[in-house]
Amino acid sequence: MEALYNNREINILVVDDNPKNIQIIGQILHSQHYNVFFATSGAEAMAIVSRRKNFDLILLDILMPGMDGFEVCANLKREDALKAIPVIFLTAKSDTSSIIKGLRLGANDYVVKPFNEEELQLRVKTQIDLKKQRERLEVLNQHLEETVKDKTSEVQEAHKKLAILEKAKNDFLVLISHELRTPLNIINGFTEILHDSLRQTKHIEELNILKHSTNRLIRLAETALLITEIRLGKYTLEYDEINLEQLCHKVAKNAGKLFLNYHFGYEIHVNDGAKTIRGDKNLVENVISQITENAIKASQNNSHITFKLFEEEQNTVLEIKDNGTGFSQKDMERLFEIFNKNGPDVTYDGFGLGLFTAKLIMNLHSGEVLMKNNDEGGASVSLVFRR
């Protein structure tokens, strides 16, 4: 282990008005290769310490004419530049009151005259060791503070960049919504006119594809705006009584119109007492619609969706079950990630917004979204509405 210090680098001041004591202490300390300085009065000691300020230890006699050891110690501890220097009192007094007074003034230790050479060496070494350990700890703490400061600055900078990226993403979603919805609605309107006018022509299939694609883009823009409003806390919930059975019928019929080229069927099973909840009807319809549409796409051309309403642990649960391909393990790990494009049930219009939006909406209703693969094939998504 690396030594804390070299004795030849240690500066010790001995303060005693008795030359014989100074001589004895000096010999003991010189034998350990310390650098030893001397003062014969309290005033001289203060002058030397104030001038040098680099002492590692002061051996201080208590009984001195003029400024005694107690006063010198008190003066040292009042000055910021000197108070860290350890002080060992040298005294012929062994009474408890003198010892306690010295320690209360800030002394670190005391040695009673006449000196035991080994005891003095050990007490000196102990105080110097403690001082050097404190100094090393201060250096380490300073280094740690600088490191923490640098890391904090890096984290703050990273947060700023993330905030900029988050704002850019939200601005992008708003841009999609506001800049695309108007032209898309115009395109959709003219598509409807063309569809009605050319219903009996050979181009009706192409028009159906155009109409379907336009509707998908409009819904994407609306979903992007909804996500942005919810995440920014700008969406205001409007609570009302919602009949989930009726809403499932509505969603299923709308989905049938949306997926004209799919063979689609559905059924609804309702347990007593599980028909109604309180919530924002537009948002709840949005959730059911997106999950239903994902389920139809997962089942492709032979889609059969089962809506099941029931109560569980005083919660109302709507389970939407399909006969599609189910979720892969990779899909299950990333179901609620925005812009995740893995797996047929995860995507919404190809951008992975469906289940991400569903989770946001269910969180607003203090509910949750649960997914599982069915033993007989396909997958089930459950919306849990807490009461």
Protein backbone atom coordinates (compact mmCIF):
# COMPACT_ATOMS: atom_id res chain seq x y z
CA MET A 1 0.00 0.00 0.00
CA GLU A 2 1.31 3.46 -0.91
CA ALA A 3 2.48 5.50 2.11
CA LEU A 4 0.42 8.56 2.91
CA TYR A 5 3.52 10.75 3.38
CA ASN A 6 7.26 10.91 3.90
CA ASN A 7 8.38 11.99 7.40
CA ARG A 8 10.94 14.34 5.84
CA GLU A 9 8.03 16.33 4.34
CA ILE A 10 6.29 16.78 7.71
CA ASN A 11 6.58 20.14 9.48
CA ILE A 12 6.03 20.22 13.26
CA LEU A 13 6.05 23.31 15.48
CA VAL A 14 7.00 22.84 19.15
CA VAL A 15 5.87 25.65 21.47
CA ASP A 16 7.31 25.65 25.01
CA ASP A 17 8.91 28.32 27.17
CA ASN A 18 11.29 25.74 28.68
CA PRO A 19 14.41 25.23 26.50
CA LYS A 20 15.10 21.84 28.08
CA ASN A 21 11.66 20.56 27.03
CA ILE A 22 12.25 21.88 23.52
CA GLN A 23 15.57 20.07 23.37
CA ILE A 24 14.08 16.75 24.53
CA ILE A 25 11.09 16.95 22.16
CA GLY A 26 13.34 18.05 19.30
CA GLN A 27 15.61 15.00 19.72
CA ILE A 28 12.61 12.66 19.78
CA LEU A 29 11.10 14.18 16.63
CA HIS A 30 14.39 14.48 14.76
CA SER A 31 14.94 10.78 15.33
CA GLN A 32 11.84 10.20 13.18
CA HIS A 33 13.20 12.59 10.49
CA TYR A 34 10.48 15.22 10.94
CA ASN A 35 11.17 18.89 10.17
CA VAL A 36 10.99 20.58 13.56
CA PHE A 37 10.46 24.30 14.29
CA PHE A 38 10.47 25.97 17.72
CA ALA A 39 8.79 28.87 19.53
CA THR A 40 9.25 29.88 23.17
CA SER A 41 6.05 31.91 23.57
CA GLY A 42 2.48 31.99 22.43
CA ALA A 43 2.95 35.25 20.52
CA GLU A 44 6.03 33.90 18.70
CA ALA A 45 4.13 30.71 17.84
CA MET A 46 1.25 32.67 16.29
CA ALA A 47 3.68 34.79 14.28
CA ILE A 48 5.48 31.71 12.90
CA VAL A 49 2.27 29.83 12.07
CA SER A 50 0.67 32.87 10.43
CA ARG A 51 3.77 33.32 8.28
CA ARG A 52 4.27 29.72 7.15
CA LYS A 53 0.78 28.16 7.43
CA ASN A 54 2.10 24.79 6.29
CA PHE A 55 2.48 22.98 9.59
CA ASP A 56 1.23 19.43 9.92
CA LEU A 57 1.18 19.43 13.74
CA ILE A 58 1.68 21.79 16.70
CA LEU A 59 2.92 20.55 20.08
CA LEU A 60 1.72 23.27 22.43
CA ASP A 61 2.63 23.85 26.08
CA ILE A 62 -0.26 25.09 28.22
CA LEU A 63 1.52 27.01 30.97
CA MET A 64 3.42 29.89 29.34
CA PRO A 65 3.76 33.56 30.35
CA GLY A 66 1.72 36.07 28.38
CA MET A 67 -0.36 34.15 25.83
CA ASP A 68 -0.83 30.65 27.26
CA GLY A 69 -1.50 27.48 25.31
CA PHE A 70 -5.27 27.72 25.69
CA GLU A 71 -5.31 31.18 24.10
CA VAL A 72 -2.99 30.11 21.26
CA CYS A 73 -5.24 27.12 20.52
CA ALA A 74 -8.36 29.31 20.51
CA ASN A 75 -6.70 31.78 18.11
CA LEU A 76 -5.65 28.98 15.77
CA LYS A 77 -9.15 27.49 15.60
CA ARG A 78 -10.68 30.87 14.76
CA GLU A 79 -8.69 31.24 11.53
CA ASP A 80 -9.83 29.26 8.51
CA ALA A 81 -6.30 28.89 7.17
CA LEU A 82 -4.99 27.46 10.47
CA LYS A 83 -7.86 25.61 12.16
CA ALA A 84 -7.15 22.33 10.34
CA ILE A 85 -3.68 22.02 11.94
CA PRO A 86 -3.90 19.38 14.71
CA VAL A 87 -2.81 20.43 18.19
CA ILE A 88 -1.35 18.23 20.93
CA PHE A 89 -1.16 19.92 24.33
CA LEU A 90 2.00 19.47 26.37
CA THR A 91 1.28 19.92 30.04
CA ALA A 92 2.50 19.09 33.49
CA LYS A 93 -1.11 19.28 34.54
CA SER A 94 -2.90 15.97 34.60
CA ASP A 95 -6.11 17.20 36.13
CA THR A 96 -9.27 16.41 34.24
CA SER A 97 -10.53 20.00 34.02
CA SER A 98 -7.44 21.20 32.12
CA ILE A 99 -7.65 18.30 29.70
CA ILE A 100 -11.36 18.86 29.05
CA LYS A 101 -10.82 22.62 28.56
CA GLY A 102 -8.09 21.95 25.99
CA LEU A 103 -10.21 19.44 24.07
CA ARG A 104 -13.18 21.81 24.08
CA LEU A 105 -10.98 24.51 22.55
CA GLY A 106 -10.28 22.17 19.66
CA ALA A 107 -7.12 20.33 20.70
CA ASN A 108 -6.77 16.87 19.21
CA ASP A 109 -4.78 15.19 21.97
CA TYR A 110 -2.57 15.82 24.99
CA VAL A 111 0.67 14.47 26.45
CA VAL A 112 1.57 14.82 30.12
CA LYS A 113 5.10 15.80 31.14
CA PRO A 114 7.55 14.16 31.71
CA PHE A 115 7.35 12.59 28.25
CA ASN A 116 7.45 8.94 27.41
CA GLU A 117 9.39 8.86 24.12
CA GLU A 118 7.44 6.02 22.48
CA GLU A 119 4.09 7.45 23.60
CA LEU A 120 4.96 10.86 22.17
CA GLN A 121 6.08 9.32 18.86
CA LEU A 122 2.87 7.32 18.57
CA ARG A 123 0.60 10.25 19.41
CA VAL A 124 2.43 12.47 16.94
CA LYS A 125 2.22 9.81 14.22
CA THR A 126 -1.50 9.25 14.88
CA GLN A 127 -2.37 12.92 14.48
CA ILE A 128 -0.27 13.29 11.33
CA ASP A 129 -1.81 10.14 9.85
CA LEU A 130 -5.28 11.49 10.54
CA LYS A 131 -4.43 14.86 8.98
CA LYS A 132 -3.01 13.28 5.83
CA GLN A 133 -5.99 10.96 5.53
CA ARG A 134 -8.34 13.95 5.79
CA GLU A 135 -6.34 15.79 3.14
CA ARG A 136 -6.45 12.80 0.81
CA LEU A 137 -10.18 12.43 1.44
CA GLU A 138 -10.68 16.12 0.62
CA VAL A 139 -8.81 15.64 -2.66
CA LEU A 140 -10.91 12.58 -3.47
CA ASN A 141 -14.10 14.44 -2.55
CA GLN A 142 -13.10 17.37 -4.72
CA HIS A 143 -12.36 15.01 -7.59
CA LEU A 144 -15.69 13.28 -7.01
CA GLU A 145 -17.54 16.61 -6.93
CA GLU A 146 -15.89 17.65 -10.19
CA THR A 147 -16.76 14.28 -11.74
CA VAL A 148 -20.37 14.55 -10.54
CA LYS A 149 -20.53 18.12 -11.82
CA ASP A 150 -19.23 17.02 -15.22
CA LYS A 151 -21.65 14.07 -15.34
CA THR A 152 -24.52 16.28 -14.20
CA SER A 153 -23.66 18.73 -16.95
CA GLU A 154 -23.62 15.85 -19.47
CA VAL A 155 -26.99 14.58 -18.22
CA GLN A 156 -28.48 18.07 -18.37
CA GLU A 157 -27.17 18.49 -21.90
CA ALA A 158 -28.60 15.10 -22.83
CA HIS A 159 -31.98 16.10 -21.34
CA LYS A 160 -31.90 19.31 -23.37
CA LYS A 161 -31.24 17.33 -26.53
CA LEU A 162 -34.01 14.88 -25.64
CA ALA A 163 -36.38 17.76 -24.99
CA ILE A 164 -35.51 19.21 -28.40
CA LEU A 165 -36.08 15.83 -30.04
CA GLU A 166 -39.35 15.34 -28.15
CA LYS A 167 -40.54 18.77 -29.27
CA ALA A 168 -39.48 18.02 -32.83
CA LYS A 169 -41.40 14.74 -32.72
CA ASN A 170 -44.52 16.40 -31.32
CA ASP A 171 -44.24 19.22 -33.86
CA PHE A 172 -43.92 16.62 -36.59
CA LEU A 173 -47.05 14.81 -35.42
CA VAL A 174 -48.96 18.09 -35.24
CA LEU A 175 -47.70 18.95 -38.71
CA ILE A 176 -48.94 15.63 -40.03
CA SER A 177 -52.34 16.26 -38.52
CA HIS A 178 -52.89 19.88 -39.56
CA GLU A 179 -51.08 19.91 -42.89
CA LEU A 180 -52.36 16.57 -44.19
CA ARG A 181 -55.92 16.46 -42.93
CA THR A 182 -57.22 19.34 -45.07
CA PRO A 183 -55.93 18.10 -48.46
CA LEU A 184 -56.79 14.50 -47.52
CA ASN A 185 -60.36 15.48 -46.68
CA ILE A 186 -60.63 17.20 -50.06
CA ILE A 187 -59.25 14.11 -51.81
CA ASN A 188 -61.61 11.93 -49.82
CA GLY A 189 -64.58 14.09 -50.79
CA PHE A 190 -63.83 13.91 -54.49
CA THR A 191 -63.18 10.18 -54.15
CA GLU A 192 -66.68 9.77 -52.72
CA ILE A 193 -68.13 11.69 -55.68
CA LEU A 194 -66.19 9.57 -58.15
CA HIS A 195 -67.18 6.41 -56.31
CA ASP A 196 -70.89 7.28 -56.56
CA SER A 197 -70.58 8.32 -60.20
CA LEU A 198 -68.56 5.32 -61.36
CA ARG A 199 -70.14 2.69 -59.18
CA GLN A 200 -71.10 0.55 -62.18
CA THR A 201 -67.84 0.90 -64.10
CA LYS A 202 -64.81 -1.34 -64.30
CA HIS A 203 -62.82 1.21 -62.25
CA ILE A 204 -64.84 0.72 -59.06
CA GLU A 205 -62.21 -1.59 -57.54
CA GLU A 206 -59.45 0.99 -58.03
CA LEU A 207 -61.70 3.64 -56.53
CA ASN A 208 -62.36 1.43 -53.51
CA ILE A 209 -58.61 1.08 -53.00
CA LEU A 210 -58.17 4.87 -53.32
CA LYS A 211 -61.01 5.51 -50.87
CA HIS A 212 -59.63 2.99 -48.40
CA SER A 213 -56.09 4.44 -48.61
CA THR A 214 -57.32 7.99 -48.14
CA ASN A 215 -59.34 6.98 -45.08
CA ARG A 216 -56.26 5.30 -43.62
CA LEU A 217 -54.18 8.45 -44.08
CA ILE A 218 -56.89 10.61 -42.49
CA ARG A 219 -57.09 8.26 -39.52
CA LEU A 220 -53.30 8.32 -39.22
CA ALA A 221 -53.32 12.12 -39.07
CA GLU A 222 -56.10 12.06 -36.47
CA THR A 223 -54.25 9.46 -34.40
CA ALA A 224 -51.02 11.51 -34.55
CA LEU A 225 -52.87 14.58 -33.28
CA LEU A 226 -54.58 12.58 -30.52
CA ILE A 227 -51.25 11.15 -29.33
CA THR A 228 -49.71 14.61 -29.24
CA GLU A 229 -52.63 16.15 -27.31
CA ILE A 230 -52.61 13.35 -24.73
CA ARG A 231 -48.83 13.40 -24.21
CA LEU A 232 -48.79 17.18 -23.86
CA GLY A 233 -51.72 17.08 -21.42
CA LYS A 234 -53.91 19.14 -23.74
CA TYR A 235 -56.72 16.63 -24.12
CA THR A 236 -59.74 17.29 -21.88
CA LEU A 237 -61.67 14.18 -20.85
CA GLU A 238 -65.46 14.33 -21.14
CA TYR A 239 -66.93 11.61 -18.94
CA ASP A 240 -70.25 10.01 -19.74
CA GLU A 241 -72.09 6.71 -19.39
CA ILE A 242 -70.92 4.38 -22.18
CA ASN A 243 -72.79 1.27 -23.30
CA LEU A 244 -69.92 -0.97 -24.37
CA GLU A 245 -72.16 -3.51 -26.10
CA GLN A 246 -73.65 -0.85 -28.37
CA LEU A 247 -70.20 0.62 -28.97
CA CYS A 248 -68.81 -2.78 -30.02
CA HIS A 249 -71.66 -3.19 -32.55
CA LYS A 250 -70.93 0.30 -33.94
CA VAL A 251 -67.20 -0.34 -34.19
CA ALA A 252 -67.70 -3.71 -35.86
CA LYS A 253 -70.09 -2.29 -38.47
CA ASN A 254 -67.72 0.59 -39.25
CA ALA A 255 -64.84 -1.85 -39.55
CA GLY A 256 -66.85 -3.91 -42.02
CA LYS A 257 -67.22 -0.82 -44.21
CA LEU A 258 -63.54 -0.01 -43.90
CA PHE A 259 -62.38 -3.49 -44.90
CA LEU A 260 -64.63 -4.08 -47.89
CA ASN A 261 -62.31 -6.68 -49.42
CA TYR A 262 -62.18 -8.77 -46.23
CA HIS A 263 -64.54 -11.55 -45.28
CA PHE A 264 -65.40 -10.32 -41.81
CA GLY A 265 -67.73 -11.60 -39.11
CA TYR A 266 -68.13 -10.87 -35.41
CA GLU A 267 -70.07 -11.83 -32.30
CA ILE A 268 -70.60 -10.21 -28.92
CA HIS A 269 -70.99 -11.99 -25.58
CA VAL A 270 -72.08 -10.00 -22.55
CA ASN A 271 -72.21 -11.11 -18.92
CA ASP A 272 -74.90 -9.46 -16.81
CA GLY A 273 -73.89 -6.11 -15.35
CA ALA A 274 -70.87 -5.61 -17.59
CA LYS A 275 -72.43 -3.39 -20.27
CA THR A 276 -71.71 0.14 -19.08
CA ILE A 277 -68.74 2.15 -17.84
CA ARG A 278 -67.98 5.83 -17.26
CA GLY A 279 -65.43 7.36 -19.58
CA ASP A 280 -64.70 9.54 -22.58
CA LYS A 281 -66.80 8.00 -25.35
CA ASN A 282 -64.66 9.28 -28.23
CA LEU A 283 -61.49 7.89 -26.69
CA VAL A 284 -63.01 4.54 -25.73
CA GLU A 285 -64.43 4.16 -29.25
CA ASN A 286 -60.98 5.02 -30.61
CA VAL A 287 -59.37 2.25 -28.54
CA ILE A 288 -61.92 -0.41 -29.51
CA SER A 289 -61.73 0.63 -33.17
CA GLN A 290 -57.97 0.44 -33.41
CA ILE A 291 -57.73 -2.94 -31.68
CA THR A 292 -60.58 -4.31 -33.80
CA GLU A 293 -59.00 -3.09 -37.02
CA ASN A 294 -55.63 -4.57 -36.00
CA ALA A 295 -57.38 -7.87 -35.27
CA ILE A 296 -59.05 -7.90 -38.70
CA LYS A 297 -55.74 -7.20 -40.43
CA ALA A 298 -54.07 -9.96 -38.41
CA SER A 299 -56.79 -12.40 -39.49
CA GLN A 300 -56.62 -11.18 -43.11
CA ASN A 301 -59.34 -12.42 -45.50
CA ASN A 302 -61.20 -14.70 -43.12
CA SER A 303 -61.63 -12.54 -40.04
CA HIS A 304 -63.83 -13.47 -37.13
CA ILE A 305 -63.75 -11.19 -34.08
CA THR A 306 -65.29 -12.05 -30.73
CA PHE A 307 -66.12 -9.27 -28.27
CA LYS A 308 -66.57 -10.51 -24.71
CA LEU A 309 -67.77 -8.26 -21.88
CA PHE A 310 -67.50 -9.47 -18.30
CA GLU A 311 -66.70 -8.40 -14.75
CA GLU A 312 -63.52 -9.45 -12.99
CA GLU A 313 -62.45 -8.35 -9.51
CA GLN A 314 -65.00 -5.49 -9.65
CA ASN A 315 -63.50 -4.28 -12.95
CA THR A 316 -65.23 -4.25 -16.33
CA VAL A 317 -63.23 -6.12 -18.96
CA LEU A 318 -63.69 -6.00 -22.73
CA GLU A 319 -61.82 -8.82 -24.44
CA ILE A 320 -61.34 -8.59 -28.22
CA LYS A 321 -60.34 -11.95 -29.65
CA ASP A 322 -59.24 -12.70 -33.21
CA ASN A 323 -58.39 -15.79 -35.25
CA GLY A 324 -55.17 -14.37 -36.69
CA THR A 325 -51.50 -15.25 -36.43
CA GLY A 326 -51.01 -14.10 -32.83
CA PHE A 327 -48.02 -12.29 -31.34
CA SER A 328 -44.43 -13.47 -31.69
CA GLN A 329 -42.18 -13.30 -28.63
CA LYS A 330 -40.39 -10.32 -30.16
CA ASP A 331 -43.73 -8.59 -30.67
CA MET A 332 -44.73 -9.19 -27.04
CA GLU A 333 -41.58 -7.40 -25.84
CA ARG A 334 -42.27 -4.27 -27.90
CA LEU A 335 -46.06 -4.02 -28.08
CA PHE A 336 -46.38 -0.51 -26.64
CA GLU A 337 -43.45 1.11 -28.44
CA ILE A 338 -44.39 3.91 -30.77
CA PHE A 339 -43.48 3.37 -34.42
CA ASN A 340 -42.88 -0.33 -33.75
CA LYS A 341 -43.59 -2.22 -36.95
CA ASN A 342 -43.11 -5.80 -35.78
CA GLY A 343 -46.00 -8.19 -36.19
CA PRO A 344 -49.49 -7.94 -37.67
CA ASP A 345 -51.31 -7.02 -34.45
CA VAL A 346 -48.83 -4.34 -33.42
CA THR A 347 -49.11 -1.97 -36.33
CA TYR A 348 -51.69 0.68 -36.92
CA ASP A 349 -51.74 1.78 -40.54
CA GLY A 350 -48.16 0.59 -40.78
CA PHE A 351 -46.76 2.98 -38.17
CA GLY A 352 -47.15 1.11 -34.87
CA LEU A 353 -49.45 3.70 -33.30
CA GLY A 354 -52.42 1.50 -32.42
CA LEU A 355 -51.49 -0.15 -29.14
CA PHE A 356 -49.33 2.82 -28.15
CA THR A 357 -52.41 5.05 -28.45
CA ALA A 358 -54.57 2.46 -26.69
CA LYS A 359 -52.22 2.42 -23.71
CA LEU A 360 -52.25 6.23 -23.48
CA ILE A 361 -56.05 6.28 -23.55
CA MET A 362 -56.43 3.48 -21.00
CA ASN A 363 -53.96 5.23 -18.70
CA LEU A 364 -56.21 8.30 -18.82
CA HIS A 365 -59.07 6.05 -17.67
CA SER A 366 -56.93 4.49 -14.91
CA GLY A 367 -57.18 1.20 -16.79
CA GLU A 368 -54.79 -1.08 -18.61
CA VAL A 369 -54.31 -3.07 -21.80
CA LEU A 370 -53.49 -6.79 -21.58
CA MET A 371 -52.43 -9.09 -24.43
CA LYS A 372 -52.07 -12.82 -24.83
CA ASN A 373 -51.91 -15.53 -27.48
CA ASN A 374 -54.83 -17.95 -27.44
CA ASP A 375 -54.20 -21.69 -27.09
CA GLU A 376 -56.46 -22.37 -30.06
CA GLY A 377 -54.72 -19.74 -32.20
CA GLY A 378 -55.04 -16.02 -32.68
CA ALA A 379 -54.64 -13.38 -30.00
CA SER A 380 -56.72 -11.56 -27.40
CA VAL A 381 -56.47 -7.95 -26.29
CA SER A 382 -58.28 -7.05 -23.06
CA LEU A 383 -59.26 -3.54 -21.99
CA VAL A 384 -59.58 -3.40 -18.19
CA PHE A 385 -61.73 -0.50 -16.93
CA ARG A 386 -61.29 -0.01 -13.19
CA ARG A 387 -64.27 1.10 -11.14
